[in-house]
Amino acid sequence: MLSLNTQKTIDNLHNVFTKKNLPHIRIGDNVKIGVKIIEGNKERVQFYEGTVIAKKNSSINTTLTVRKVLQGIGVERIFLIHSPKVDSIQILRSSKVRRSKLYYLRNLKGKASRLKQQFQ
């Protein structure tokens, strides 16, 4: 059991490190995530663009699984969205989906893997 004082300390740390300016990201969104990369003594932002196929909500440990197809090969990457390495998250388009996890997209190829766009 955690004592009350320890729990308050943990809550304060969560409040310090959570990002407040995140967009409302849903499953099926096409997102562009800027990731900070350190090369030697230089730091730059590299963008990763793909479809959100899974989201796990657990306060500061919230993760997004983003999938893109690169030269015919599916590439998935899991991002900890409150991490200091994640610089920016931009929603490019939203799609209408009826599932909370889109793992079935792993088995689809080409035009079959398209999602219907949702306009707001």
PDB file of N, CA and C in Angstrom:
ATOM      1  N   MET A   1       0.840  -1.192   0.000  1.00  0.00           N
ATOM      2  CA  MET A   1       0.000   0.000   0.000  1.00  0.00           C
ATOM      3  C   MET A   1       0.878   1.246   0.000  1.00  0.00           C
ATOM      4  N   LEU A   2       0.478   2.209  -0.769  1.00  0.00           N
ATOM      5  CA  LEU A   2       1.180   3.486  -0.778  1.00  0.00           C
ATOM      6  C   LEU A   2       0.602   4.395   0.289  1.00  0.00           C
ATOM      7  N   SER A   3       1.474   5.117   0.932  1.00  0.00           N
ATOM      8  CA  SER A   3       0.973   6.070   1.917  1.00  0.00           C
ATOM      9  C   SER A   3       0.401   7.278   1.191  1.00  0.00           C
ATOM     10  N   LEU A   4      -0.349   8.073   1.905  1.00  0.00           N
ATOM     11  CA  LEU A   4      -0.998   9.247   1.317  1.00  0.00           C
ATOM     12  C   LEU A   4       0.035  10.244   0.817  1.00  0.00           C
ATOM     13  N   ASN A   5       1.118  10.409   1.548  1.00  0.00           N
ATOM     14  CA  ASN A   5       2.165  11.342   1.159  1.00  0.00           C
ATOM     15  C   ASN A   5       2.856  10.888  -0.130  1.00  0.00           C
ATOM     16  N   THR A   6       3.103   9.590  -0.243  1.00  0.00           N
ATOM     17  CA  THR A   6       3.730   9.052  -1.451  1.00  0.00           C
ATOM     18  C   THR A   6       2.806   9.216  -2.650  1.00  0.00           C
ATOM     19  N   GLN A   7       1.521   8.985  -2.458  1.00  0.00           N
ATOM     20  CA  GLN A   7       0.559   9.130  -3.551  1.00  0.00           C
ATOM     21  C   GLN A   7       0.480  10.572  -4.027  1.00  0.00           C
ATOM     22  N   LYS A   8       0.549  11.534  -3.107  1.00  0.00           N
ATOM     23  CA  LYS A   8       0.539  12.946  -3.503  1.00  0.00           C
ATOM     24  C   LYS A   8       1.776  13.294  -4.315  1.00  0.00           C
ATOM     25  N   THR A   9       2.917  12.722  -3.926  1.00  0.00           N
ATOM     26  CA  THR A   9       4.153  12.956  -4.669  1.00  0.00           C
ATOM     27  C   THR A   9       4.049  12.400  -6.086  1.00  0.00           C
ATOM     28  N   ILE A  10       3.482  11.226  -6.215  1.00  0.00           N
ATOM     29  CA  ILE A  10       3.300  10.622  -7.535  1.00  0.00           C
ATOM     30  C   ILE A  10       2.349  11.456  -8.375  1.00  0.00           C
ATOM     31  N   ASP A  11       1.251  11.929  -7.783  1.00  0.00           N
ATOM     32  CA  ASP A  11       0.300  12.768  -8.505  1.00  0.00           C
ATOM     33  C   ASP A  11       0.945  14.072  -8.963  1.00  0.00           C
ATOM     34  N   ASN A  12       1.796  14.664  -8.130  1.00  0.00           N
ATOM     35  CA  ASN A  12       2.496  15.887  -8.524  1.00  0.00           C
ATOM     36  C   ASN A  12       3.416  15.637  -9.710  1.00  0.00           C
ATOM     37  N   LEU A  13       4.107  14.503  -9.709  1.00  0.00           N
ATOM     38  CA  LEU A  13       4.975  14.165 -10.840  1.00  0.00           C
ATOM     39  C   LEU A  13       4.161  13.964 -12.117  1.00  0.00           C
ATOM     40  N   HIS A  14       2.998  13.308 -11.996  1.00  0.00           N
ATOM     41  CA  HIS A  14       2.123  13.134 -13.156  1.00  0.00           C
ATOM     42  C   HIS A  14       1.704  14.489 -13.711  1.00  0.00           C
ATOM     43  N   ASN A  15       1.348  15.414 -12.850  1.00  0.00           N
ATOM     44  CA  ASN A  15       0.911  16.730 -13.302  1.00  0.00           C
ATOM     45  C   ASN A  15       2.033  17.508 -13.967  1.00  0.00           C
ATOM     46  N   VAL A  16       3.255  17.324 -13.504  1.00  0.00           N
ATOM     47  CA  VAL A  16       4.389  18.047 -14.092  1.00  0.00           C
ATOM     48  C   VAL A  16       4.679  17.546 -15.504  1.00  0.00           C
ATOM     49  N   PHE A  17       4.621  16.237 -15.705  1.00  0.00           N
ATOM     50  CA  PHE A  17       5.066  15.667 -16.970  1.00  0.00           C
ATOM     51  C   PHE A  17       3.967  15.445 -18.000  1.00  0.00           C
ATOM     52  N   THR A  18       2.688  15.543 -17.638  1.00  0.00           N
ATOM     53  CA  THR A  18       1.644  15.375 -18.645  1.00  0.00           C
ATOM     54  C   THR A  18       1.559  16.611 -19.516  1.00  0.00           C
ATOM     55  N   LYS A  19       1.328  16.381 -20.804  1.00  0.00           N
ATOM     56  CA  LYS A  19       1.203  17.483 -21.750  1.00  0.00           C
ATOM     57  C   LYS A  19      -0.248  17.943 -21.775  1.00  0.00           C
ATOM     58  N   LYS A  20      -0.445  19.242 -21.767  1.00  0.00           N
ATOM     59  CA  LYS A  20      -1.795  19.809 -21.699  1.00  0.00           C
ATOM     60  C   LYS A  20      -2.367  20.151 -23.073  1.00  0.00           C
ATOM     61  N   ASN A  21      -1.504  20.336 -24.075  1.00  0.00           N
ATOM     62  CA  ASN A  21      -1.961  20.854 -25.365  1.00  0.00           C
ATOM     63  C   ASN A  21      -2.087  19.770 -26.439  1.00  0.00           C
ATOM     64  N   LEU A  22      -2.448  18.550 -26.046  1.00  0.00           N
ATOM     65  CA  LEU A  22      -2.595  17.471 -27.009  1.00  0.00           C
ATOM     66  C   LEU A  22      -3.964  17.534 -27.690  1.00  0.00           C
ATOM     67  N   PRO A  23      -4.022  17.232 -28.988  1.00  0.00           N
ATOM     68  CA  PRO A  23      -5.331  17.165 -29.653  1.00  0.00           C
ATOM     69  C   PRO A  23      -6.082  15.916 -29.221  1.00  0.00           C
ATOM     70  N   HIS A  24      -7.376  15.894 -29.480  1.00  0.00           N
ATOM     71  CA  HIS A  24      -8.206  14.731 -29.146  1.00  0.00           C
ATOM     72  C   HIS A  24      -8.002  13.684 -30.242  1.00  0.00           C
ATOM     73  N   ILE A  25      -7.212  12.675 -29.945  1.00  0.00           N
ATOM     74  CA  ILE A  25      -6.839  11.659 -30.922  1.00  0.00           C
ATOM     75  C   ILE A  25      -7.767  10.464 -30.765  1.00  0.00           C
ATOM     76  N   ARG A  26      -8.306   9.998 -31.895  1.00  0.00           N
ATOM     77  CA  ARG A  26      -9.191   8.842 -31.893  1.00  0.00           C
ATOM     78  C   ARG A  26      -8.601   7.737 -32.761  1.00  0.00           C
ATOM     79  N   ILE A  27      -9.138   6.559 -32.611  1.00  0.00           N
ATOM     80  CA  ILE A  27      -8.708   5.432 -33.422  1.00  0.00           C
ATOM     81  C   ILE A  27      -9.131   5.694 -34.868  1.00  0.00           C
ATOM     82  N   GLY A  28      -8.255   5.404 -35.816  1.00  0.00           N
ATOM     83  CA  GLY A  28      -8.544   5.613 -37.221  1.00  0.00           C
ATOM     84  C   GLY A  28      -8.065   6.951 -37.739  1.00  0.00           C
ATOM     85  N   ASP A  29      -7.571   7.821 -36.873  1.00  0.00           N
ATOM     86  CA  ASP A  29      -7.056   9.116 -37.315  1.00  0.00           C
ATOM     87  C   ASP A  29      -5.733   8.933 -38.041  1.00  0.00           C
ATOM     88  N   ASN A  30      -5.534   9.735 -39.065  1.00  0.00           N
ATOM     89  CA  ASN A  30      -4.243   9.803 -39.729  1.00  0.00           C
ATOM     90  C   ASN A  30      -3.469  10.907 -39.026  1.00  0.00           C
ATOM     91  N   VAL A  31      -2.350  10.584 -38.412  1.00  0.00           N
ATOM     92  CA  VAL A  31      -1.621  11.554 -37.604  1.00  0.00           C
ATOM     93  C   VAL A  31      -0.203  11.726 -38.134  1.00  0.00           C
ATOM     94  N   LYS A  32       0.371  12.878 -37.793  1.00  0.00           N
ATOM     95  CA  LYS A  32       1.761  13.182 -38.101  1.00  0.00           C
ATOM     96  C   LYS A  32       2.426  13.520 -36.774  1.00  0.00           C
ATOM     97  N   ILE A  33       3.333  12.647 -36.335  1.00  0.00           N
ATOM     98  CA  ILE A  33       3.967  12.786 -35.027  1.00  0.00           C
ATOM     99  C   ILE A  33       5.417  13.207 -35.230  1.00  0.00           C
ATOM    100  N   GLY A  34       5.795  14.301 -34.609  1.00  0.00           N
ATOM    101  CA  GLY A  34       7.173  14.766 -34.660  1.00  0.00           C
ATOM    102  C   GLY A  34       7.954  14.193 -33.501  1.00  0.00           C
ATOM    103  N   VAL A  35       9.023  13.461 -33.803  1.00  0.00           N
ATOM    104  CA  VAL A  35       9.845  12.806 -32.792  1.00  0.00           C
ATOM    105  C   VAL A  35      11.222  13.456 -32.785  1.00  0.00           C
ATOM    106  N   LYS A  36      11.688  13.826 -31.598  1.00  0.00           N
ATOM    107  CA  LYS A  36      13.017  14.418 -31.473  1.00  0.00           C
ATOM    108  C   LYS A  36      14.072  13.330 -31.589  1.00  0.00           C
ATOM    109  N   ILE A  37      15.063  13.563 -32.443  1.00  0.00           N
ATOM    110  CA  ILE A  37      16.156  12.619 -32.641  1.00  0.00           C
ATOM    111  C   ILE A  37      17.459  13.357 -32.398  1.00  0.00           C
ATOM    112  N   ILE A  38      18.335  12.745 -31.600  1.00  0.00           N
ATOM    113  CA  ILE A  38      19.624  13.340 -31.307  1.00  0.00           C
ATOM    114  C   ILE A  38      20.689  12.598 -32.104  1.00  0.00           C
ATOM    115  N   GLU A  39      21.394  13.347 -32.951  1.00  0.00           N
ATOM    116  CA  GLU A  39      22.475  12.772 -33.760  1.00  0.00           C
ATOM    117  C   GLU A  39      23.757  13.510 -33.387  1.00  0.00           C
ATOM    118  N   GLY A  40      24.613  12.845 -32.650  1.00  0.00           N
ATOM    119  CA  GLY A  40      25.837  13.502 -32.193  1.00  0.00           C
ATOM    120  C   GLY A  40      25.497  14.597 -31.212  1.00  0.00           C
ATOM    121  N   ASN A  41      25.816  15.833 -31.577  1.00  0.00           N
ATOM    122  CA  ASN A  41      25.472  16.967 -30.710  1.00  0.00           C
ATOM    123  C   ASN A  41      24.335  17.799 -31.284  1.00  0.00           C
ATOM    124  N   LYS A  42      23.703  17.315 -32.360  1.00  0.00           N
ATOM    125  CA  LYS A  42      22.575  18.020 -32.965  1.00  0.00           C
ATOM    126  C   LYS A  42      21.267  17.335 -32.601  1.00  0.00           C
ATOM    127  N   GLU A  43      20.216  18.122 -32.533  1.00  0.00           N
ATOM    128  CA  GLU A  43      18.880  17.579 -32.282  1.00  0.00           C
ATOM    129  C   GLU A  43      17.959  18.047 -33.391  1.00  0.00           C
ATOM    130  N   ARG A  44      17.204  17.125 -33.953  1.00  0.00           N
ATOM    131  CA  ARG A  44      16.264  17.474 -35.014  1.00  0.00           C
ATOM    132  C   ARG A  44      14.952  16.756 -34.779  1.00  0.00           C
ATOM    133  N   VAL A  45      13.921  17.159 -35.531  1.00  0.00           N
ATOM    134  CA  VAL A  45      12.591  16.554 -35.418  1.00  0.00           C
ATOM    135  C   VAL A  45      12.321  15.766 -36.693  1.00  0.00           C
ATOM    136  N   GLN A  46      12.027  14.485 -36.519  1.00  0.00           N
ATOM    137  CA  GLN A  46      11.669  13.633 -37.649  1.00  0.00           C
ATOM    138  C   GLN A  46      10.190  13.285 -37.526  1.00  0.00           C
ATOM    139  N   PHE A  47       9.458  13.395 -38.621  1.00  0.00           N
ATOM    140  CA  PHE A  47       8.017  13.159 -38.597  1.00  0.00           C
ATOM    141  C   PHE A  47       7.699  11.728 -39.005  1.00  0.00           C
ATOM    142  N   TYR A  48       6.729  11.149 -38.316  1.00  0.00           N
ATOM    143  CA  TYR A  48       6.243   9.798 -38.579  1.00  0.00           C
ATOM    144  C   TYR A  48       4.755   9.937 -38.850  1.00  0.00           C
ATOM    145  N   GLU A  49       4.337   9.551 -40.050  1.00  0.00           N
ATOM    146  CA  GLU A  49       2.945   9.745 -40.456  1.00  0.00           C
ATOM    147  C   GLU A  49       2.289   8.393 -40.695  1.00  0.00           C
ATOM    148  N   GLY A  50       1.105   8.189 -40.099  1.00  0.00           N
ATOM    149  CA  GLY A  50       0.406   6.926 -40.271  1.00  0.00           C
ATOM    150  C   GLY A  50      -0.961   6.950 -39.614  1.00  0.00           C
ATOM    151  N   THR A  51      -1.587   5.787 -39.556  1.00  0.00           N
ATOM    152  CA  THR A  51      -2.928   5.627 -39.006  1.00  0.00           C
ATOM    153  C   THR A  51      -2.850   5.077 -37.592  1.00  0.00           C
ATOM    154  N   VAL A  52      -3.627   5.662 -36.698  1.00  0.00           N
ATOM    155  CA  VAL A  52      -3.685   5.174 -35.316  1.00  0.00           C
ATOM    156  C   VAL A  52      -4.537   3.913 -35.311  1.00  0.00           C
ATOM    157  N   ILE A  53      -3.921   2.774 -34.954  1.00  0.00           N
ATOM    158  CA  ILE A  53      -4.678   1.522 -34.943  1.00  0.00           C
ATOM    159  C   ILE A  53      -4.999   1.069 -33.528  1.00  0.00           C
ATOM    160  N   ALA A  54      -4.354   1.659 -32.513  1.00  0.00           N
ATOM    161  CA  ALA A  54      -4.644   1.290 -31.131  1.00  0.00           C
ATOM    162  C   ALA A  54      -4.253   2.448 -30.228  1.00  0.00           C
ATOM    163  N   LYS A  55      -4.979   2.560 -29.125  1.00  0.00           N
ATOM    164  CA  LYS A  55      -4.688   3.568 -28.121  1.00  0.00           C
ATOM    165  C   LYS A  55      -4.890   2.932 -26.758  1.00  0.00           C
ATOM    166  N   LYS A  56      -3.918   3.120 -25.884  1.00  0.00           N
ATOM    167  CA  LYS A  56      -4.026   2.596 -24.532  1.00  0.00           C
ATOM    168  C   LYS A  56      -3.997   3.782 -23.579  1.00  0.00           C
ATOM    169  N   ASN A  57      -5.078   4.000 -22.858  1.00  0.00           N
ATOM    170  CA  ASN A  57      -5.171   5.130 -21.937  1.00  0.00           C
ATOM    171  C   ASN A  57      -4.829   4.668 -20.528  1.00  0.00           C
ATOM    172  N   SER A  58      -3.775   5.239 -19.983  1.00  0.00           N
ATOM    173  CA  SER A  58      -3.462   5.016 -18.574  1.00  0.00           C
ATOM    174  C   SER A  58      -2.667   6.214 -18.074  1.00  0.00           C
ATOM    175  N   SER A  59      -3.340   7.332 -17.963  1.00  0.00           N
ATOM    176  CA  SER A  59      -2.831   8.622 -17.489  1.00  0.00           C
ATOM    177  C   SER A  59      -1.524   8.992 -18.178  1.00  0.00           C
ATOM    178  N   ILE A  60      -0.431   9.010 -17.483  1.00  0.00           N
ATOM    179  CA  ILE A  60       0.828   9.466 -18.071  1.00  0.00           C
ATOM    180  C   ILE A  60       1.433   8.426 -19.006  1.00  0.00           C
ATOM    181  N   ASN A  61       1.003   7.177 -18.911  1.00  0.00           N
ATOM    182  CA  ASN A  61       1.530   6.111 -19.759  1.00  0.00           C
ATOM    183  C   ASN A  61       0.675   5.868 -20.995  1.00  0.00           C
ATOM    184  N   THR A  62      -0.072   6.851 -21.452  1.00  0.00           N
ATOM    185  CA  THR A  62      -0.922   6.711 -22.628  1.00  0.00           C
ATOM    186  C   THR A  62      -0.064   6.479 -23.866  1.00  0.00           C
ATOM    187  N   THR A  63      -0.396   5.432 -24.623  1.00  0.00           N
ATOM    188  CA  THR A  63       0.371   5.116 -25.816  1.00  0.00           C
ATOM    189  C   THR A  63      -0.520   5.081 -27.050  1.00  0.00           C
ATOM    190  N   LEU A  64       0.091   5.372 -28.195  1.00  0.00           N
ATOM    191  CA  LEU A  64      -0.551   5.270 -29.495  1.00  0.00           C
ATOM    192  C   LEU A  64       0.238   4.284 -30.330  1.00  0.00           C
ATOM    193  N   THR A  65      -0.457   3.381 -31.010  1.00  0.00           N
ATOM    194  CA  THR A  65       0.191   2.514 -31.982  1.00  0.00           C
ATOM    195  C   THR A  65      -0.160   3.060 -33.357  1.00  0.00           C
ATOM    196  N   VAL A  66       0.859   3.471 -34.096  1.00  0.00           N
ATOM    197  CA  VAL A  66       0.675   4.104 -35.399  1.00  0.00           C
ATOM    198  C   VAL A  66       1.250   3.178 -36.464  1.00  0.00           C
ATOM    199  N   ARG A  67       0.475   2.951 -37.525  1.00  0.00           N
ATOM    200  CA  ARG A  67       0.878   2.043 -38.600  1.00  0.00           C
ATOM    201  C   ARG A  67       0.952   2.801 -39.913  1.00  0.00           C
ATOM    202  N   LYS A  68       2.020   2.530 -40.658  1.00  0.00           N
ATOM    203  CA  LYS A  68       2.130   3.052 -42.012  1.00  0.00           C
ATOM    204  C   LYS A  68       2.706   1.959 -42.894  1.00  0.00           C
ATOM    205  N   VAL A  69       2.466   2.062 -44.185  1.00  0.00           N
ATOM    206  CA  VAL A  69       2.999   1.098 -45.135  1.00  0.00           C
ATOM    207  C   VAL A  69       4.109   1.789 -45.897  1.00  0.00           C
ATOM    208  N   LEU A  70       5.303   1.224 -45.825  1.00  0.00           N
ATOM    209  CA  LEU A  70       6.480   1.815 -46.441  1.00  0.00           C
ATOM    210  C   LEU A  70       7.059   0.815 -47.436  1.00  0.00           C
ATOM    211  N   GLN A  71       6.981   1.133 -48.725  1.00  0.00           N
ATOM    212  CA  GLN A  71       7.471   0.282 -49.812  1.00  0.00           C
ATOM    213  C   GLN A  71       6.876  -1.116 -49.745  1.00  0.00           C
ATOM    214  N   GLY A  72       5.578  -1.181 -49.440  1.00  0.00           N
ATOM    215  CA  GLY A  72       4.871  -2.458 -49.411  1.00  0.00           C
ATOM    216  C   GLY A  72       5.012  -3.236 -48.122  1.00  0.00           C
ATOM    217  N   ILE A  73       5.732  -2.694 -47.148  1.00  0.00           N
ATOM    218  CA  ILE A  73       5.917  -3.376 -45.872  1.00  0.00           C
ATOM    219  C   ILE A  73       5.268  -2.549 -44.780  1.00  0.00           C
ATOM    220  N   GLY A  74       4.419  -3.178 -43.968  1.00  0.00           N
ATOM    221  CA  GLY A  74       3.765  -2.478 -42.873  1.00  0.00           C
ATOM    222  C   GLY A  74       4.727  -2.248 -41.717  1.00  0.00           C
ATOM    223  N   VAL A  75       4.753  -1.005 -41.238  1.00  0.00           N
ATOM    224  CA  VAL A  75       5.625  -0.644 -40.125  1.00  0.00           C
ATOM    225  C   VAL A  75       4.748  -0.057 -39.030  1.00  0.00           C
ATOM    226  N   GLU A  76       4.874  -0.598 -37.818  1.00  0.00           N
ATOM    227  CA  GLU A  76       4.118  -0.081 -36.677  1.00  0.00           C
ATOM    228  C   GLU A  76       5.086   0.447 -35.641  1.00  0.00           C
ATOM    229  N   ARG A  77       4.677   1.517 -34.989  1.00  0.00           N
ATOM    230  CA  ARG A  77       5.507   2.103 -33.949  1.00  0.00           C
ATOM    231  C   ARG A  77       4.597   2.541 -32.806  1.00  0.00           C
ATOM    232  N   ILE A  78       5.049   2.316 -31.591  1.00  0.00           N
ATOM    233  CA  ILE A  78       4.282   2.686 -30.409  1.00  0.00           C
ATOM    234  C   ILE A  78       4.905   3.938 -29.814  1.00  0.00           C
ATOM    235  N   PHE A  79       4.074   4.968 -29.602  1.00  0.00           N
ATOM    236  CA  PHE A  79       4.540   6.245 -29.068  1.00  0.00           C
ATOM    237  C   PHE A  79       3.944   6.470 -27.683  1.00  0.00           C
ATOM    238  N   LEU A  80       4.773   6.841 -26.748  1.00  0.00           N
ATOM    239  CA  LEU A  80       4.340   7.298 -25.438  1.00  0.00           C
ATOM    240  C   LEU A  80       4.083   8.793 -25.593  1.00  0.00           C
ATOM    241  N   ILE A  81       2.807   9.207 -25.626  1.00  0.00           N
ATOM    242  CA  ILE A  81       2.510  10.569 -26.080  1.00  0.00           C
ATOM    243  C   ILE A  81       2.924  11.648 -25.089  1.00  0.00           C
ATOM    244  N   HIS A  82       3.123  11.311 -23.818  1.00  0.00           N
ATOM    245  CA  HIS A  82       3.575  12.308 -22.853  1.00  0.00           C
ATOM    246  C   HIS A  82       5.096  12.334 -22.725  1.00  0.00           C
ATOM    247  N   SER A  83       5.779  11.574 -23.559  1.00  0.00           N
ATOM    248  CA  SER A  83       7.242  11.516 -23.520  1.00  0.00           C
ATOM    249  C   SER A  83       7.841  12.834 -24.005  1.00  0.00           C
ATOM    250  N   PRO A  84       8.974  13.241 -23.437  1.00  0.00           N
ATOM    251  CA  PRO A  84       9.630  14.454 -23.938  1.00  0.00           C
ATOM    252  C   PRO A  84      10.195  14.278 -25.347  1.00  0.00           C
ATOM    253  N   LYS A  85      10.339  13.046 -25.829  1.00  0.00           N
ATOM    254  CA  LYS A  85      10.833  12.824 -27.191  1.00  0.00           C
ATOM    255  C   LYS A  85       9.768  13.122 -28.242  1.00  0.00           C
ATOM    256  N   VAL A  86       8.491  13.079 -27.872  1.00  0.00           N
ATOM    257  CA  VAL A  86       7.414  13.405 -28.806  1.00  0.00           C
ATOM    258  C   VAL A  86       7.250  14.916 -28.802  1.00  0.00           C
ATOM    259  N   ASP A  87       7.573  15.532 -29.938  1.00  0.00           N
ATOM    260  CA  ASP A  87       7.578  16.989 -30.033  1.00  0.00           C
ATOM    261  C   ASP A  87       6.186  17.530 -30.349  1.00  0.00           C
ATOM    262  N   SER A  88       5.532  16.945 -31.357  1.00  0.00           N
ATOM    263  CA  SER A  88       4.226  17.458 -31.765  1.00  0.00           C
ATOM    264  C   SER A  88       3.378  16.316 -32.316  1.00  0.00           C
ATOM    265  N   ILE A  89       2.062  16.493 -32.198  1.00  0.00           N
ATOM    266  CA  ILE A  89       1.112  15.548 -32.780  1.00  0.00           C
ATOM    267  C   ILE A  89       0.084  16.363 -33.556  1.00  0.00           C
ATOM    268  N   GLN A  90      -0.064  16.033 -34.825  1.00  0.00           N
ATOM    269  CA  GLN A  90      -0.995  16.762 -35.685  1.00  0.00           C
ATOM    270  C   GLN A  90      -1.934  15.759 -36.339  1.00  0.00           C
ATOM    271  N   ILE A  91      -3.237  16.029 -36.274  1.00  0.00           N
ATOM    272  CA  ILE A  91      -4.228  15.152 -36.904  1.00  0.00           C
ATOM    273  C   ILE A  91      -4.440  15.634 -38.334  1.00  0.00           C
ATOM    274  N   LEU A  92      -4.184  14.747 -39.298  1.00  0.00           N
ATOM    275  CA  LEU A  92      -4.328  15.107 -40.703  1.00  0.00           C
ATOM    276  C   LEU A  92      -5.737  14.846 -41.205  1.00  0.00           C
ATOM    277  N   ARG A  93      -6.314  13.708 -40.843  1.00  0.00           N
ATOM    278  CA  ARG A  93      -7.693  13.387 -41.213  1.00  0.00           C
ATOM    279  C   ARG A  93      -8.255  12.365 -40.251  1.00  0.00           C
ATOM    280  N   SER A  94      -9.563  12.352 -40.110  1.00  0.00           N
ATOM    281  CA  SER A  94     -10.242  11.399 -39.237  1.00  0.00           C
ATOM    282  C   SER A  94     -11.014  10.409 -40.086  1.00  0.00           C
ATOM    283  N   SER A  95     -11.170   9.210 -39.571  1.00  0.00           N
ATOM    284  CA  SER A  95     -11.903   8.168 -40.277  1.00  0.00           C
ATOM    285  C   SER A  95     -12.994   7.613 -39.390  1.00  0.00           C
ATOM    286  N   LYS A  96     -14.040   7.123 -40.045  1.00  0.00           N
ATOM    287  CA  LYS A  96     -15.158   6.523 -39.319  1.00  0.00           C
ATOM    288  C   LYS A  96     -14.850   5.044 -39.114  1.00  0.00           C
ATOM    289  N   VAL A  97     -14.708   4.643 -37.856  1.00  0.00           N
ATOM    290  CA  VAL A  97     -14.431   3.245 -37.530  1.00  0.00           C
ATOM    291  C   VAL A  97     -15.402   2.793 -36.450  1.00  0.00           C
ATOM    292  N   ARG A  98     -15.584   1.475 -36.362  1.00  0.00           N
ATOM    293  CA  ARG A  98     -16.517   0.924 -35.370  1.00  0.00           C
ATOM    294  C   ARG A  98     -15.809  -0.024 -34.415  1.00  0.00           C
ATOM    295  N   ARG A  99     -14.503   0.052 -34.366  1.00  0.00           N
ATOM    296  CA  ARG A  99     -13.711  -0.804 -33.490  1.00  0.00           C
ATOM    297  C   ARG A  99     -12.768   0.073 -32.660  1.00  0.00           C
ATOM    298  N   SER A 100     -12.348  -0.460 -31.517  1.00  0.00           N
ATOM    299  CA  SER A 100     -11.395   0.285 -30.702  1.00  0.00           C
ATOM    300  C   SER A 100      -9.961  -0.106 -31.032  1.00  0.00           C
ATOM    301  N   LYS A 101      -9.766  -1.234 -31.659  1.00  0.00           N
ATOM    302  CA  LYS A 101      -8.445  -1.665 -32.110  1.00  0.00           C
ATOM    303  C   LYS A 101      -8.564  -2.096 -33.563  1.00  0.00           C
ATOM    304  N   LEU A 102      -7.724  -1.562 -34.427  1.00  0.00           N
ATOM    305  CA  LEU A 102      -7.807  -1.834 -35.859  1.00  0.00           C
ATOM    306  C   LEU A 102      -6.721  -2.817 -36.301  1.00  0.00           C
ATOM    307  N   TYR A 103      -6.538  -3.875 -35.531  1.00  0.00           N
ATOM    308  CA  TYR A 103      -5.498  -4.836 -35.861  1.00  0.00           C
ATOM    309  C   TYR A 103      -5.787  -5.587 -37.162  1.00  0.00           C
ATOM    310  N   TYR A 104      -7.043  -5.579 -37.613  1.00  0.00           N
ATOM    311  CA  TYR A 104      -7.374  -6.272 -38.849  1.00  0.00           C
ATOM    312  C   TYR A 104      -6.728  -5.613 -40.059  1.00  0.00           C
ATOM    313  N   LEU A 105      -6.272  -4.358 -39.924  1.00  0.00           N
ATOM    314  CA  LEU A 105      -5.608  -3.687 -41.046  1.00  0.00           C
ATOM    315  C   LEU A 105      -4.271  -4.347 -41.385  1.00  0.00           C
ATOM    316  N   ARG A 106      -3.717  -5.115 -40.455  1.00  0.00           N
ATOM    317  CA  ARG A 106      -2.448  -5.800 -40.707  1.00  0.00           C
ATOM    318  C   ARG A 106      -2.578  -6.831 -41.819  1.00  0.00           C
ATOM    319  N   ASN A 107      -3.776  -7.383 -41.994  1.00  0.00           N
ATOM    320  CA  ASN A 107      -3.987  -8.432 -42.989  1.00  0.00           C
ATOM    321  C   ASN A 107      -4.467  -7.900 -44.330  1.00  0.00           C
ATOM    322  N   LEU A 108      -4.737  -6.599 -44.442  1.00  0.00           N
ATOM    323  CA  LEU A 108      -5.260  -6.021 -45.669  1.00  0.00           C
ATOM    324  C   LEU A 108      -4.153  -5.336 -46.444  1.00  0.00           C
ATOM    325  N   LYS A 109      -4.299  -5.302 -47.767  1.00  0.00           N
ATOM    326  CA  LYS A 109      -3.292  -4.685 -48.625  1.00  0.00           C
ATOM    327  C   LYS A 109      -3.954  -3.721 -49.592  1.00  0.00           C
ATOM    328  N   GLY A 110      -3.226  -2.710 -49.987  1.00  0.00           N
ATOM    329  CA  GLY A 110      -3.659  -1.804 -51.039  1.00  0.00           C
ATOM    330  C   GLY A 110      -4.914  -1.035 -50.688  1.00  0.00           C
ATOM    331  N   LYS A 111      -5.833  -0.985 -51.656  1.00  0.00           N
ATOM    332  CA  LYS A 111      -7.049  -0.199 -51.480  1.00  0.00           C
ATOM    333  C   LYS A 111      -7.975  -0.777 -50.418  1.00  0.00           C
ATOM    334  N   ALA A 112      -7.852  -2.045 -50.121  1.00  0.00           N
ATOM    335  CA  ALA A 112      -8.705  -2.677 -49.117  1.00  0.00           C
ATOM    336  C   ALA A 112      -8.439  -2.123 -47.728  1.00  0.00           C
ATOM    337  N   SER A 113      -7.250  -1.560 -47.521  1.00  0.00           N
ATOM    338  CA  SER A 113      -6.887  -1.065 -46.192  1.00  0.00           C
ATOM    339  C   SER A 113      -7.305   0.388 -45.980  1.00  0.00           C
ATOM    340  N   ARG A 114      -8.015   0.980 -46.939  1.00  0.00           N
ATOM    341  CA  ARG A 114      -8.457   2.366 -46.769  1.00  0.00           C
ATOM    342  C   ARG A 114      -9.609   2.438 -45.754  1.00  0.00           C
ATOM    343  N   LEU A 115      -9.672   3.560 -45.060  1.00  0.00           N
ATOM    344  CA  LEU A 115     -10.761   3.798 -44.126  1.00  0.00           C
ATOM    345  C   LEU A 115     -11.603   4.945 -44.656  1.00  0.00           C
ATOM    346  N   LYS A 116     -12.917   4.897 -44.361  1.00  0.00           N
ATOM    347  CA  LYS A 116     -13.825   5.937 -44.830  1.00  0.00           C
ATOM    348  C   LYS A 116     -13.605   7.212 -44.038  1.00  0.00           C
ATOM    349  N   GLN A 117     -13.411   8.321 -44.748  1.00  0.00           N
ATOM    350  CA  GLN A 117     -13.120   9.585 -44.085  1.00  0.00           C
ATOM    351  C   GLN A 117     -14.348  10.149 -43.404  1.00  0.00           C
ATOM    352  N   GLN A 118     -14.124  10.760 -42.230  1.00  0.00           N
ATOM    353  CA  GLN A 118     -15.190  11.368 -41.458  1.00  0.00           C
ATOM    354  C   GLN A 118     -14.956  12.868 -41.427  1.00  0.00           C
ATOM    355  N   PHE A 119     -15.964  13.630 -41.880  1.00  0.00           N
ATOM    356  CA  PHE A 119     -15.849  15.092 -41.898  1.00  0.00           C
ATOM    357  C   PHE A 119     -16.536  15.661 -40.673  1.00  0.00           C
ATOM    358  N   GLN A 120     -15.920  16.717 -40.118  1.00  0.00           N
ATOM    359  CA  GLN A 120     -16.508  17.311 -38.919  1.00  0.00           C
ATOM    360  C   GLN A 120     -16.795  18.764 -39.109  1.00  0.00           C
TER     361      GLN A 120
END
